[in-house]
Amino acid sequence: MTKKAVCCDADGSPTKKTAATRVFEAARDLFYHRGIRAVGVDEIVCKAGVTKPSLYRAFASKDELIAACLEESGREGRAALCEAIETAGSDAGDQLRAVVRYFAAKVASPDFRGCPMSNTAVEIPEPGHPGRAVLESCKADMRATIVEISRRFDTDRPEDLADGLVLIIEGGMAAHHIFGSQGPCAAMVSASDALIDSYRLRARA
């Protein structure tokens, strides 16, 4: 008898997840840790324990699966960032610092392998790819959030401050690929604090 349980639908699974859920979870993990281009449909269905038709019943194509994984990452990220901002209180300066500290904590996490949106942007440059629209929207939302807070901060150049903070965040996440958590990205908090202080309007004598 051949072993089919490894790479086919598992009817007796104790967790009883749907095939679509298993495909989604397997793909998301593989895409993040291995890369989108390096992972094929065969590997996804094998890891998920489903058949290939099960994947295509849930997702019309690998590209749609990529977009779905990015959408979920974006949703989770937005919710966590909003929570960090709310926890910081109503002061705009404290909120800006909370934003950078949120991303700095992600970079310092042992399982961090870069921002899934930025990673995908490098792997998929095609403007018409469904995943591209998701990641661009996610990054635009992040910048818009920082701009909105910066406009409530005591500065006459809120957009410049916001873009400076975005560069620190994006640069820190990118630097992790080369230097790890103890490299330049370890300076994300101190660099952003200095930047925020430098943009604060001083009382005129």
Protein backbone atom coordinates (compact mmCIF):
# COMPACT_ATOMS: atom_id res chain seq x y z
CA MET A 1 0.00 0.00 0.00
CA THR A 2 1.36 3.41 -0.90
CA LYS A 3 1.55 6.30 1.55
CA LYS A 4 -0.92 8.92 0.41
CA ALA A 5 -1.62 10.60 3.75
CA VAL A 6 1.41 12.86 3.57
CA CYS A 7 0.32 14.73 0.46
CA CYS A 8 -3.43 14.32 0.25
CA ASP A 9 -6.52 15.48 2.14
CA ALA A 10 -6.48 14.10 5.66
CA ASP A 11 -10.07 13.16 6.53
CA GLY A 12 -9.17 12.05 10.03
CA SER A 13 -7.27 15.16 11.07
CA PRO A 14 -7.81 15.78 14.80
CA THR A 15 -7.87 19.57 14.30
CA LYS A 16 -10.32 19.23 11.39
CA LYS A 17 -9.09 22.29 9.51
CA THR A 18 -10.50 22.81 6.05
CA ALA A 19 -8.28 22.16 3.06
CA ALA A 20 -8.36 25.88 2.24
CA THR A 21 -7.13 26.78 5.72
CA ARG A 22 -4.33 24.24 5.58
CA VAL A 23 -3.25 25.51 2.16
CA PHE A 24 -3.31 29.11 3.36
CA GLU A 25 -1.30 28.42 6.52
CA ALA A 26 1.25 26.28 4.70
CA ALA A 27 1.71 28.82 1.92
CA ARG A 28 2.06 31.74 4.30
CA ASP A 29 4.75 29.98 6.30
CA LEU A 30 6.65 28.80 3.23
CA PHE A 31 6.46 32.15 1.44
CA TYR A 32 7.80 34.00 4.48
CA HIS A 33 10.62 31.63 5.38
CA ARG A 34 11.61 30.39 1.93
CA GLY A 35 10.54 33.12 -0.46
CA ILE A 36 7.71 33.31 -2.98
CA ARG A 37 9.68 32.40 -6.09
CA ALA A 38 11.38 29.44 -4.38
CA VAL A 39 8.11 27.79 -3.35
CA GLY A 40 5.95 25.95 -5.85
CA VAL A 41 2.39 24.70 -5.68
CA ASP A 42 3.54 21.09 -5.24
CA GLU A 43 5.47 21.97 -2.10
CA ILE A 44 2.53 23.93 -0.70
CA VAL A 45 0.02 21.10 -1.12
CA CYS A 46 2.47 18.57 0.28
CA LYS A 47 3.10 20.66 3.40
CA ALA A 48 -0.63 21.30 3.76
CA GLY A 49 -1.50 17.63 3.35
CA VAL A 50 -4.02 18.25 0.58
CA THR A 51 -4.37 17.53 -3.11
CA LYS A 52 -3.61 20.08 -5.81
CA PRO A 53 -7.29 20.32 -6.86
CA SER A 54 -8.08 21.29 -3.26
CA LEU A 55 -5.74 24.26 -3.58
CA TYR A 56 -7.30 25.41 -6.83
CA ARG A 57 -10.81 25.07 -5.43
CA ALA A 58 -9.86 27.59 -2.73
CA PHE A 59 -7.52 29.82 -4.75
CA ALA A 60 -7.72 30.29 -8.50
CA SER A 61 -3.94 30.58 -8.82
CA LYS A 62 -0.71 30.84 -6.88
CA ASP A 63 -0.83 34.59 -7.46
CA GLU A 64 -4.20 34.84 -5.73
CA LEU A 65 -2.84 32.75 -2.86
CA ILE A 66 0.10 35.14 -2.54
CA ALA A 67 -2.27 38.11 -2.40
CA ALA A 68 -4.43 36.42 0.23
CA CYS A 69 -1.39 35.74 2.43
CA LEU A 70 -0.26 39.36 2.12
CA GLU A 71 -3.74 40.65 2.92
CA GLU A 72 -3.79 38.66 6.16
CA SER A 73 -0.30 39.82 7.09
CA GLY A 74 -1.38 43.39 6.44
CA ARG A 75 -4.55 43.02 8.51
CA GLU A 76 -2.66 41.58 11.45
CA GLY A 77 0.03 44.23 11.19
CA ARG A 78 -2.45 47.10 11.09
CA ALA A 79 -4.31 45.78 14.13
CA ALA A 80 -1.10 45.35 16.14
CA LEU A 81 0.19 48.80 15.16
CA CYS A 82 -3.12 50.46 16.08
CA GLU A 83 -2.99 48.74 19.46
CA ALA A 84 0.55 50.02 20.05
CA ILE A 85 -0.51 53.56 19.14
CA GLU A 86 -3.57 53.45 21.39
CA THR A 87 -1.51 52.10 24.29
CA ALA A 88 0.88 55.05 23.94
CA GLY A 89 -1.83 57.53 24.89
CA SER A 90 -2.96 60.73 23.20
CA ASP A 91 0.36 62.58 22.90
CA ALA A 92 1.54 62.62 19.26
CA GLY A 93 5.21 62.41 20.18
CA ASP A 94 4.60 59.34 22.33
CA GLN A 95 2.59 57.79 19.51
CA LEU A 96 5.39 58.35 16.99
CA ARG A 97 7.86 56.72 19.35
CA ALA A 98 5.45 53.83 19.87
CA VAL A 99 5.26 53.25 16.11
CA VAL A 100 9.02 52.90 15.78
CA ARG A 101 9.28 50.78 18.92
CA TYR A 102 6.63 48.45 17.52
CA PHE A 103 8.70 47.83 14.38
CA ALA A 104 11.97 47.66 16.36
CA ALA A 105 10.47 44.89 18.50
CA LYS A 106 9.49 42.97 15.37
CA VAL A 107 13.03 43.26 14.01
CA ALA A 108 14.46 42.00 17.31
CA SER A 109 12.21 38.92 17.28
CA PRO A 110 14.17 35.64 16.78
CA ASP A 111 11.93 34.51 13.92
CA PHE A 112 12.01 37.81 12.02
CA ARG A 113 12.90 37.33 8.37
CA GLY A 114 12.15 40.77 7.05
CA CYS A 115 8.90 42.55 6.26
CA PRO A 116 6.69 40.25 4.15
CA MET A 117 5.55 43.22 2.09
CA SER A 118 9.06 44.46 1.35
CA ASN A 119 10.28 40.93 0.66
CA THR A 120 7.48 40.45 -1.84
CA ALA A 121 8.15 43.82 -3.48
CA VAL A 122 11.68 42.64 -4.29
CA GLU A 123 10.53 39.26 -5.60
CA ILE A 124 7.55 40.55 -7.58
CA PRO A 125 8.28 43.78 -9.45
CA GLU A 126 5.39 43.34 -11.92
CA PRO A 127 2.87 46.18 -11.39
CA GLY A 128 -0.09 44.04 -12.44
CA HIS A 129 0.48 41.25 -9.93
CA PRO A 130 -2.38 41.00 -7.38
CA GLY A 131 0.10 40.79 -4.52
CA ARG A 132 1.75 44.02 -5.66
CA ALA A 133 -1.46 45.99 -5.15
CA VAL A 134 -1.81 44.57 -1.64
CA LEU A 135 1.72 45.40 -0.52
CA GLU A 136 1.65 48.89 -2.02
CA SER A 137 -1.63 49.63 -0.23
CA CYS A 138 -0.22 48.31 3.04
CA LYS A 139 2.89 50.48 2.83
CA ALA A 140 0.82 53.52 1.86
CA ASP A 141 -1.43 52.94 4.88
CA MET A 142 1.57 52.76 7.18
CA ARG A 143 2.99 56.02 5.86
CA ALA A 144 -0.44 57.69 6.05
CA THR A 145 -0.73 56.67 9.70
CA ILE A 146 2.65 58.19 10.53
CA VAL A 147 1.85 61.36 8.56
CA GLU A 148 -1.45 61.76 10.41
CA ILE A 149 0.26 61.51 13.78
CA SER A 150 3.06 63.84 12.67
CA ARG A 151 0.48 66.49 11.74
CA ARG A 152 -0.64 66.51 15.36
CA PHE A 153 2.95 66.82 16.56
CA ASP A 154 4.46 70.23 17.36
CA THR A 155 6.34 70.67 14.09
CA ASP A 156 6.06 72.79 10.97
CA ARG A 157 7.32 69.95 8.72
CA PRO A 158 5.12 66.94 9.54
CA GLU A 159 5.53 65.17 6.18
CA ASP A 160 9.32 65.44 6.37
CA LEU A 161 9.29 64.01 9.88
CA ALA A 162 6.97 61.18 8.81
CA ASP A 163 9.13 60.27 5.83
CA GLY A 164 12.24 60.31 7.98
CA LEU A 165 10.62 57.86 10.38
CA VAL A 166 9.47 55.65 7.49
CA LEU A 167 13.06 55.55 6.22
CA ILE A 168 14.33 54.51 9.66
CA ILE A 169 11.70 51.77 9.90
CA GLU A 170 12.20 50.45 6.37
CA GLY A 171 15.97 50.76 6.60
CA GLY A 172 16.06 48.89 9.88
CA MET A 173 14.01 46.00 8.52
CA ALA A 174 16.15 45.82 5.39
CA ALA A 175 19.43 46.00 7.32
CA HIS A 176 18.39 42.96 9.33
CA HIS A 177 18.88 40.77 6.25
CA ILE A 178 22.60 41.59 6.24
CA PHE A 179 23.55 42.52 9.80
CA GLY A 180 20.97 40.76 11.97
CA SER A 181 19.22 42.23 14.98
CA GLN A 182 22.45 43.50 16.53
CA GLY A 183 23.50 45.52 13.49
CA PRO A 184 22.38 48.99 12.40
CA CYS A 185 18.72 48.15 13.03
CA ALA A 186 19.49 48.14 16.76
CA ALA A 187 19.74 51.94 16.46
CA MET A 188 16.16 52.33 15.19
CA VAL A 189 14.82 53.63 18.50
CA SER A 190 17.62 56.01 19.35
CA ALA A 191 17.77 57.36 15.79
CA SER A 192 14.02 57.95 15.66
CA ASP A 193 14.00 59.62 19.09
CA ALA A 194 16.71 62.00 17.93
CA LEU A 195 14.82 62.71 14.72
CA ILE A 196 11.55 63.41 16.52
CA ASP A 197 13.30 65.77 18.95
CA SER A 198 15.02 67.59 16.10
CA TYR A 199 11.67 68.35 14.42
CA ARG A 200 9.92 69.64 17.54
CA LEU A 201 9.35 73.39 17.41
CA ARG A 202 11.26 75.27 20.08
CA ALA A 203 9.67 78.12 21.99
CA ARG A 204 10.83 81.40 20.56
CA ALA A 205 12.24 83.96 22.97
